[in-house]
Structures are given as C-alpha cells and as structure tokens.
C-alpha cells in the first residue's frame, strides 16, 4: 500500500474531502488521542505550559492538550500550525481552543526565540522526507524545521515527535537533522515489532530557564 506522503504534498493530499474523512474516523480519533497522551506523558509537564502543536491538522491532538491538566494549576494552552487550509478550516468549525497558523514547517517555525515551553508533533514530520519542489531537499526541509523548533523552545524545553518513517534511512535522516540543530535526542519505540509499533523522537533543549517575554511571538515582528 502506497504512503500518501510519497505521492502528494500534505496540503494537496488533505483537501476538503480527505480532511473531513480523517477527522470523522473514530479509529483515527482513538489512535490520535492515544499518541497525544503518550507524547504528553513523555513531555512530563508539571505546570500549565504553552505548547506548540506541529502539524496540528483539525485539532484532534489539541483537544487532548486542552483537556488534560498538569499536576499544578489549570490546563495547558497551545498554538497549532499546519500546511493544510482544509484541515485548519475544520479545526475552526470544531471551535478548538488553540490558536491556529497556516504554515509549512519545512520552511521553518516562525516564532520568537524561547516562545514555547514544549512542543508535540503527531504523525506529521515524515512528510518532510519528501521534497516539495526540485530545488529543495528532504534534509534541507528537516534542517529548517528543527532549527526553527529549537529556537522557538525555551531553554530546558522538550519536544516529542511521533512519526512514521518509511525506512531506516528516513529514521536516521530525521534524527540527524534534530541533533544537528542542537537537540539532545532519544528514540522510544512502543510495541516494537508489531503492527501497532509507534516511534517517538524525544528532544531536549539544554540550559536553564529563559525569562518570559510579552508581545507578538511570531518571528517577523
């Protein structure tokens, strides 16, 4: 069975029909919720945090982020970015609680340095392993993404990326790009060797805390 990321760009594949089909599938909803909870467990956030949801789609993961409260205080807040206008339209129709941004993560993460406490990405970054145009390489897109993600996280921040590599080469390329950006990286496999195997790339930014800054958090301000 062919993988959609091998044939079409994400914003083309997830048109209105595919975005609706994805969002209304009870199977996908359950899998997405389970993987998001696992990512939150790996983030180990003890207090309310600002989380970046990379490849947020129609907000299925965001709903989990909004509903699970940490040990201290109220729920997390989140900002989602996705390349598919159709997915984001559905997220708006579903009235998700996070803010939404239309953006291609292969072009970077356009937020101010040190904006986020943490980040998650569920079933998204494998799309970067396919070049969008002839003048971009998969490793170049991965490099721009991880460099931007690293900069957008506070010192001591953590990101968890669940993804489906096509092969060991893609797995290595993704990890290599993350380490090159400066992350400490570890790989966790749930249910290895089964059809339910899930892969999580756990990334950390070294150093102490960075002071919170107000105002516009986008990098272009």
C-alpha atoms as a PDB file:
ATOM      1  CA  UNK A   1       0.000   0.000   0.000  1.00  0.00           C
ATOM      2  CA  UNK A   2       1.439   3.364  -1.021  1.00  0.00           C
ATOM      3  CA  UNK A   3       2.024   6.092   1.519  1.00  0.00           C
ATOM      4  CA  UNK A   4       0.247   9.403   0.797  1.00  0.00           C
ATOM      5  CA  UNK A   5       3.415  11.390   1.524  1.00  0.00           C
ATOM      6  CA  UNK A   6       5.125   9.539  -1.344  1.00  0.00           C
ATOM      7  CA  UNK A   7       2.626  10.799  -3.915  1.00  0.00           C
ATOM      8  CA  UNK A   8       1.292  14.232  -2.919  1.00  0.00           C
ATOM      9  CA  UNK A   9       2.256  17.222  -0.797  1.00  0.00           C
ATOM     10  CA  UNK A  10       0.356  17.387   2.502  1.00  0.00           C
ATOM     11  CA  UNK A  11      -1.655  20.478   1.570  1.00  0.00           C
ATOM     12  CA  UNK A  12      -2.745  18.772  -1.668  1.00  0.00           C
ATOM     13  CA  UNK A  13      -3.495  15.364  -0.137  1.00  0.00           C
ATOM     14  CA  UNK A  14      -5.541  16.823   2.713  1.00  0.00           C
ATOM     15  CA  UNK A  15      -8.150  18.601   0.621  1.00  0.00           C
ATOM     16  CA  UNK A  16     -11.685  19.170   1.943  1.00  0.00           C
ATOM     17  CA  UNK A  17     -12.710  15.551   1.362  1.00  0.00           C
ATOM     18  CA  UNK A  18      -9.638  13.895   2.916  1.00  0.00           C
ATOM     19  CA  UNK A  19      -9.544  16.331   5.834  1.00  0.00           C
ATOM     20  CA  UNK A  20     -13.180  15.580   6.676  1.00  0.00           C
ATOM     21  CA  UNK A  21     -12.638  11.831   6.292  1.00  0.00           C
ATOM     22  CA  UNK A  22      -9.583  11.947   8.569  1.00  0.00           C
ATOM     23  CA  UNK A  23     -11.299  13.977  11.263  1.00  0.00           C
ATOM     24  CA  UNK A  24     -14.507  11.920  11.411  1.00  0.00           C
ATOM     25  CA  UNK A  25     -12.835   8.495  11.530  1.00  0.00           C
ATOM     26  CA  UNK A  26     -13.361   7.044  15.011  1.00  0.00           C
ATOM     27  CA  UNK A  27     -10.319   4.812  14.525  1.00  0.00           C
ATOM     28  CA  UNK A  28      -8.074   7.775  13.745  1.00  0.00           C
ATOM     29  CA  UNK A  29      -9.555   9.773  16.613  1.00  0.00           C
ATOM     30  CA  UNK A  30      -8.717   6.994  19.080  1.00  0.00           C
ATOM     31  CA  UNK A  31      -5.191   6.466  17.750  1.00  0.00           C
ATOM     32  CA  UNK A  32      -4.504  10.211  17.705  1.00  0.00           C
ATOM     33  CA  UNK A  33      -5.765  10.621  21.267  1.00  0.00           C
ATOM     34  CA  UNK A  34      -3.645   7.719  22.499  1.00  0.00           C
ATOM     35  CA  UNK A  35      -0.468   9.014  20.852  1.00  0.00           C
ATOM     36  CA  UNK A  36      -1.072  12.554  22.119  1.00  0.00           C
ATOM     37  CA  UNK A  37      -1.493  11.302  25.676  1.00  0.00           C
ATOM     38  CA  UNK A  38       1.725   9.329  25.290  1.00  0.00           C
ATOM     39  CA  UNK A  39       3.533  12.418  23.997  1.00  0.00           C
ATOM     40  CA  UNK A  40       2.269  14.438  26.971  1.00  0.00           C
ATOM     41  CA  UNK A  41       3.475  11.705  29.311  1.00  0.00           C
ATOM     42  CA  UNK A  42       6.935  11.936  27.744  1.00  0.00           C
ATOM     43  CA  UNK A  43       6.926  15.747  27.982  1.00  0.00           C
ATOM     44  CA  UNK A  44       6.315  15.382  31.738  1.00  0.00           C
ATOM     45  CA  UNK A  45       4.961  18.918  32.194  1.00  0.00           C
ATOM     46  CA  UNK A  46       4.254  19.649  35.858  1.00  0.00           C
ATOM     47  CA  UNK A  47       2.592  23.056  35.428  1.00  0.00           C
ATOM     48  CA  UNK A  48       0.415  24.808  32.812  1.00  0.00           C
ATOM     49  CA  UNK A  49       2.549  25.290  29.709  1.00  0.00           C
ATOM     50  CA  UNK A  50       2.428  26.891  26.275  1.00  0.00           C
ATOM     51  CA  UNK A  51       2.725  24.048  23.754  1.00  0.00           C
ATOM     52  CA  UNK A  52       3.332  24.177  20.012  1.00  0.00           C
ATOM     53  CA  UNK A  53       1.363  21.532  18.093  1.00  0.00           C
ATOM     54  CA  UNK A  54       3.335  20.897  14.901  1.00  0.00           C
ATOM     55  CA  UNK A  55       1.124  19.608  12.092  1.00  0.00           C
ATOM     56  CA  UNK A  56      -1.972  20.188  14.217  1.00  0.00           C
ATOM     57  CA  UNK A  57      -4.416  19.218  11.465  1.00  0.00           C
ATOM     58  CA  UNK A  58      -8.028  19.604  12.524  1.00  0.00           C
ATOM     59  CA  UNK A  59      -7.158  19.877  16.209  1.00  0.00           C
ATOM     60  CA  UNK A  60      -7.588  16.276  17.354  1.00  0.00           C
ATOM     61  CA  UNK A  61      -4.387  16.424  19.422  1.00  0.00           C
ATOM     62  CA  UNK A  62      -5.186  19.944  20.570  1.00  0.00           C
ATOM     63  CA  UNK A  63      -8.386  18.712  22.183  1.00  0.00           C
ATOM     64  CA  UNK A  64      -6.313  16.371  24.338  1.00  0.00           C
ATOM     65  CA  UNK A  65      -3.862  19.158  25.198  1.00  0.00           C
ATOM     66  CA  UNK A  66      -6.777  21.327  26.336  1.00  0.00           C
ATOM     67  CA  UNK A  67      -8.447  18.580  28.380  1.00  0.00           C
ATOM     68  CA  UNK A  68      -5.551  17.136  30.385  1.00  0.00           C
ATOM     69  CA  UNK A  69      -4.458  19.297  33.304  1.00  0.00           C
ATOM     70  CA  UNK A  70      -0.939  19.080  34.772  1.00  0.00           C
ATOM     71  CA  UNK A  71      -0.264  18.468  38.446  1.00  0.00           C
ATOM     72  CA  UNK A  72      -0.198  22.174  39.295  1.00  0.00           C
ATOM     73  CA  UNK A  73      -2.799  24.647  38.062  1.00  0.00           C
ATOM     74  CA  UNK A  74      -5.092  24.780  35.061  1.00  0.00           C
ATOM     75  CA  UNK A  75      -4.928  23.315  31.549  1.00  0.00           C
ATOM     76  CA  UNK A  76      -2.200  23.843  29.006  1.00  0.00           C
ATOM     77  CA  UNK A  77      -2.555  26.392  26.218  1.00  0.00           C
ATOM     78  CA  UNK A  78      -1.463  25.609  22.687  1.00  0.00           C
ATOM     79  CA  UNK A  79      -0.815  27.016  19.254  1.00  0.00           C
ATOM     80  CA  UNK A  80      -1.152  24.793  16.212  1.00  0.00           C
ATOM     81  CA  UNK A  81       0.468  25.112  12.805  1.00  0.00           C
ATOM     82  CA  UNK A  82      -0.421  23.132   9.701  1.00  0.00           C
ATOM     83  CA  UNK A  83       0.103  23.365   5.942  1.00  0.00           C
ATOM     84  CA  UNK A  84      -3.425  22.246   5.003  1.00  0.00           C
ATOM     85  CA  UNK A  85      -6.063  25.019   4.777  1.00  0.00           C
ATOM     86  CA  UNK A  86      -8.783  22.350   4.716  1.00  0.00           C
ATOM     87  CA  UNK A  87      -7.588  20.848   7.994  1.00  0.00           C
ATOM     88  CA  UNK A  88      -7.434  24.252   9.660  1.00  0.00           C
ATOM     89  CA  UNK A  89     -10.912  25.126   8.362  1.00  0.00           C
ATOM     90  CA  UNK A  90     -12.282  22.039  10.094  1.00  0.00           C
ATOM     91  CA  UNK A  91     -10.409  22.955  13.277  1.00  0.00           C
ATOM     92  CA  UNK A  92     -12.126  26.364  13.190  1.00  0.00           C
ATOM     93  CA  UNK A  93     -15.510  24.737  12.589  1.00  0.00           C
ATOM     94  CA  UNK A  94     -14.883  22.470  15.579  1.00  0.00           C
ATOM     95  CA  UNK A  95     -14.085  25.548  17.674  1.00  0.00           C
ATOM     96  CA  UNK A  96     -10.852  24.188  19.126  1.00  0.00           C
ATOM     97  CA  UNK A  97      -9.323  26.180  21.957  1.00  0.00           C
ATOM     98  CA  UNK A  98      -5.866  26.728  20.484  1.00  0.00           C
ATOM     99  CA  UNK A  99      -4.731  29.458  18.127  1.00  0.00           C
ATOM    100  CA  UNK A 100      -4.052  28.295  14.564  1.00  0.00           C
ATOM    101  CA  UNK A 101      -1.463  29.206  11.937  1.00  0.00           C
ATOM    102  CA  UNK A 102      -1.260  28.210   8.269  1.00  0.00           C
ATOM    103  CA  UNK A 103       2.416  27.429   7.694  1.00  0.00           C
ATOM    104  CA  UNK A 104       4.757  24.929   6.043  1.00  0.00           C
ATOM    105  CA  UNK A 105       7.033  23.509   8.735  1.00  0.00           C
ATOM    106  CA  UNK A 106       9.550  22.676   6.008  1.00  0.00           C
ATOM    107  CA  UNK A 107      10.147  26.426   5.743  1.00  0.00           C
ATOM    108  CA  UNK A 108      10.836  26.774   9.473  1.00  0.00           C
ATOM    109  CA  UNK A 109       8.969  27.626  12.667  1.00  0.00           C
ATOM    110  CA  UNK A 110       8.119  31.361  12.564  1.00  0.00           C
ATOM    111  CA  UNK A 111       8.011  32.265  16.254  1.00  0.00           C
ATOM    112  CA  UNK A 112      10.232  34.313  18.510  1.00  0.00           C
ATOM    113  CA  UNK A 113      13.093  32.562  20.245  1.00  0.00           C
ATOM    114  CA  UNK A 114      12.104  30.966  23.531  1.00  0.00           C
ATOM    115  CA  UNK A 115       8.351  31.244  22.981  1.00  0.00           C
ATOM    116  CA  UNK A 116       7.236  27.726  23.890  1.00  0.00           C
ATOM    117  CA  UNK A 117       7.633  25.559  26.960  1.00  0.00           C
ATOM    118  CA  UNK A 118       7.193  22.404  24.892  1.00  0.00           C
ATOM    119  CA  UNK A 119       6.116  21.035  21.523  1.00  0.00           C
ATOM    120  CA  UNK A 120       4.419  17.944  20.181  1.00  0.00           C
ATOM    121  CA  UNK A 121       4.015  16.573  16.683  1.00  0.00           C
ATOM    122  CA  UNK A 122       1.794  13.603  15.892  1.00  0.00           C
ATOM    123  CA  UNK A 123       2.144  11.792  12.555  1.00  0.00           C
ATOM    124  CA  UNK A 124       3.489  14.836  10.716  1.00  0.00           C
ATOM    125  CA  UNK A 125       7.247  15.141  10.319  1.00  0.00           C
ATOM    126  CA  UNK A 126       7.595  12.154   7.964  1.00  0.00           C
ATOM    127  CA  UNK A 127       6.011  14.432   5.336  1.00  0.00           C
ATOM    128  CA  UNK A 128       9.247  16.436   5.372  1.00  0.00           C
ATOM    129  CA  UNK A 129      11.116  13.445   3.965  1.00  0.00           C
ATOM    130  CA  UNK A 130       9.592  14.128   0.558  1.00  0.00           C
ATOM    131  CA  UNK A 131      10.867  17.167  -1.344  1.00  0.00           C
ATOM    132  CA  UNK A 132       8.150  19.670  -2.242  1.00  0.00           C
ATOM    133  CA  UNK A 133       9.962  21.065  -5.285  1.00  0.00           C
ATOM    134  CA  UNK A 134      13.051  20.250  -7.308  1.00  0.00           C
ATOM    135  CA  UNK A 135      15.072  22.971  -5.574  1.00  0.00           C
ATOM    136  CA  UNK A 136      14.509  21.665  -2.037  1.00  0.00           C
ATOM    137  CA  UNK A 137      15.877  18.500  -0.470  1.00  0.00           C
ATOM    138  CA  UNK A 138      14.223  16.500   2.317  1.00  0.00           C
ATOM    139  CA  UNK A 139      17.231  17.061   4.577  1.00  0.00           C
ATOM    140  CA  UNK A 140      17.079  20.791   3.855  1.00  0.00           C
ATOM    141  CA  UNK A 141      13.419  20.898   4.877  1.00  0.00           C
ATOM    142  CA  UNK A 142      14.125  18.867   8.008  1.00  0.00           C
ATOM    143  CA  UNK A 143      17.035  21.157   8.877  1.00  0.00           C
ATOM    144  CA  UNK A 144      14.905  24.296   8.563  1.00  0.00           C
ATOM    145  CA  UNK A 145      12.193  22.722  10.683  1.00  0.00           C
ATOM    146  CA  UNK A 146      14.414  21.511  13.515  1.00  0.00           C
ATOM    147  CA  UNK A 147      16.474  24.721  13.574  1.00  0.00           C
ATOM    148  CA  UNK A 148      13.263  26.715  13.915  1.00  0.00           C
ATOM    149  CA  UNK A 149      11.816  24.366  16.509  1.00  0.00           C
ATOM    150  CA  UNK A 150      14.989  24.516  18.595  1.00  0.00           C
ATOM    151  CA  UNK A 151      14.967  28.312  18.559  1.00  0.00           C
ATOM    152  CA  UNK A 152      11.268  28.531  19.434  1.00  0.00           C
ATOM    153  CA  UNK A 153      11.618  26.463  22.615  1.00  0.00           C
ATOM    154  CA  UNK A 154      12.709  27.808  25.990  1.00  0.00           C
ATOM    155  CA  UNK A 155      15.976  26.579  27.430  1.00  0.00           C
ATOM    156  CA  UNK A 156      15.207  23.320  29.167  1.00  0.00           C
ATOM    157  CA  UNK A 157      12.203  22.787  26.893  1.00  0.00           C
ATOM    158  CA  UNK A 158      11.273  19.477  25.377  1.00  0.00           C
ATOM    159  CA  UNK A 159       9.594  18.294  22.183  1.00  0.00           C
ATOM    160  CA  UNK A 160       8.086  14.906  21.378  1.00  0.00           C
ATOM    161  CA  UNK A 161       7.574  13.965  17.727  1.00  0.00           C
ATOM    162  CA  UNK A 162       5.683  10.785  16.870  1.00  0.00           C
ATOM    163  CA  UNK A 163       6.281   9.834  13.263  1.00  0.00           C
ATOM    164  CA  UNK A 164       6.129   7.005  10.737  1.00  0.00           C
ATOM    165  CA  UNK A 165       9.430   6.668   8.869  1.00  0.00           C
ATOM    166  CA  UNK A 166       9.303   4.794   5.593  1.00  0.00           C
ATOM    167  CA  UNK A 167      12.578   3.038   6.358  1.00  0.00           C
ATOM    168  CA  UNK A 168      15.716   3.213   8.499  1.00  0.00           C
ATOM    169  CA  UNK A 169      17.183   5.817   6.159  1.00  0.00           C
ATOM    170  CA  UNK A 170      14.345   8.253   6.898  1.00  0.00           C
ATOM    171  CA  UNK A 171      14.556   7.495  10.602  1.00  0.00           C
ATOM    172  CA  UNK A 172      18.273   8.297  10.588  1.00  0.00           C
ATOM    173  CA  UNK A 173      17.832  11.426   8.462  1.00  0.00           C
ATOM    174  CA  UNK A 174      15.209  12.840  10.834  1.00  0.00           C
ATOM    175  CA  UNK A 175      17.296  12.118  13.927  1.00  0.00           C
ATOM    176  CA  UNK A 176      20.446  13.505  12.305  1.00  0.00           C
ATOM    177  CA  UNK A 177      18.701  16.781  11.432  1.00  0.00           C
ATOM    178  CA  UNK A 178      17.427  17.148  15.006  1.00  0.00           C
ATOM    179  CA  UNK A 179      20.864  16.554  16.532  1.00  0.00           C
ATOM    180  CA  UNK A 180      22.469  18.927  14.021  1.00  0.00           C
ATOM    181  CA  UNK A 181      20.053  21.637  15.202  1.00  0.00           C
ATOM    182  CA  UNK A 182      21.389  21.242  18.749  1.00  0.00           C
ATOM    183  CA  UNK A 183      18.829  18.959  20.370  1.00  0.00           C
ATOM    184  CA  UNK A 184      19.600  16.179  22.740  1.00  0.00           C
ATOM    185  CA  UNK A 185      17.708  13.311  21.117  1.00  0.00           C
ATOM    186  CA  UNK A 186      16.409   9.931  22.162  1.00  0.00           C
ATOM    187  CA  UNK A 187      14.170   7.446  20.363  1.00  0.00           C
ATOM    188  CA  UNK A 188      11.412   5.479  22.072  1.00  0.00           C
ATOM    189  CA  UNK A 189       9.524   2.601  20.469  1.00  0.00           C
ATOM    190  CA  UNK A 190       6.179   1.399  21.795  1.00  0.00           C
ATOM    191  CA  UNK A 191       5.110  -2.131  20.812  1.00  0.00           C
ATOM    192  CA  UNK A 192       8.240  -2.769  18.707  1.00  0.00           C
ATOM    193  CA  UNK A 193       7.978  -5.429  16.042  1.00  0.00           C
ATOM    194  CA  UNK A 194       4.167  -5.341  15.916  1.00  0.00           C
ATOM    195  CA  UNK A 195       1.696  -3.693  13.553  1.00  0.00           C
ATOM    196  CA  UNK A 196       0.934  -1.244  16.371  1.00  0.00           C
ATOM    197  CA  UNK A 197       4.543  -0.051  16.673  1.00  0.00           C
ATOM    198  CA  UNK A 198       4.830   3.663  17.403  1.00  0.00           C
ATOM    199  CA  UNK A 199       8.032   5.695  17.252  1.00  0.00           C
ATOM    200  CA  UNK A 200       8.624   8.801  19.389  1.00  0.00           C
ATOM    201  CA  UNK A 201      11.572  11.153  18.982  1.00  0.00           C
ATOM    202  CA  UNK A 202      12.140  12.870  22.342  1.00  0.00           C
ATOM    203  CA  UNK A 203      14.110  16.114  22.049  1.00  0.00           C
ATOM    204  CA  UNK A 204      15.545  18.380  24.743  1.00  0.00           C
ATOM    205  CA  UNK A 205      16.997  21.888  24.726  1.00  0.00           C
ATOM    206  CA  UNK A 206      19.850  22.275  27.219  1.00  0.00           C
ATOM    207  CA  UNK A 207      20.352  25.136  29.665  1.00  0.00           C
ATOM    208  CA  UNK A 208      18.301  26.960  32.256  1.00  0.00           C
ATOM    209  CA  UNK A 209      15.043  28.850  32.068  1.00  0.00           C
ATOM    210  CA  UNK A 210      14.538  31.833  29.805  1.00  0.00           C
ATOM    211  CA  UNK A 211      12.510  34.782  31.000  1.00  0.00           C
ATOM    212  CA  UNK A 212       9.029  35.028  29.529  1.00  0.00           C
ATOM    213  CA  UNK A 213       8.504  37.928  27.175  1.00  0.00           C
ATOM    214  CA  UNK A 214       5.204  39.509  26.217  1.00  0.00           C
ATOM    215  CA  UNK A 215       4.018  40.793  22.869  1.00  0.00           C
ATOM    216  CA  UNK A 216       3.823  39.211  19.447  1.00  0.00           C
ATOM    217  CA  UNK A 217       5.534  35.825  19.400  1.00  0.00           C
ATOM    218  CA  UNK A 218       5.917  35.489  15.645  1.00  0.00           C
ATOM    219  CA  UNK A 219       9.426  35.812  14.318  1.00  0.00           C
ATOM    220  CA  UNK A 220       8.555  38.526  11.851  1.00  0.00           C
ATOM    221  CA  UNK A 221       7.728  41.214  14.390  1.00  0.00           C
END
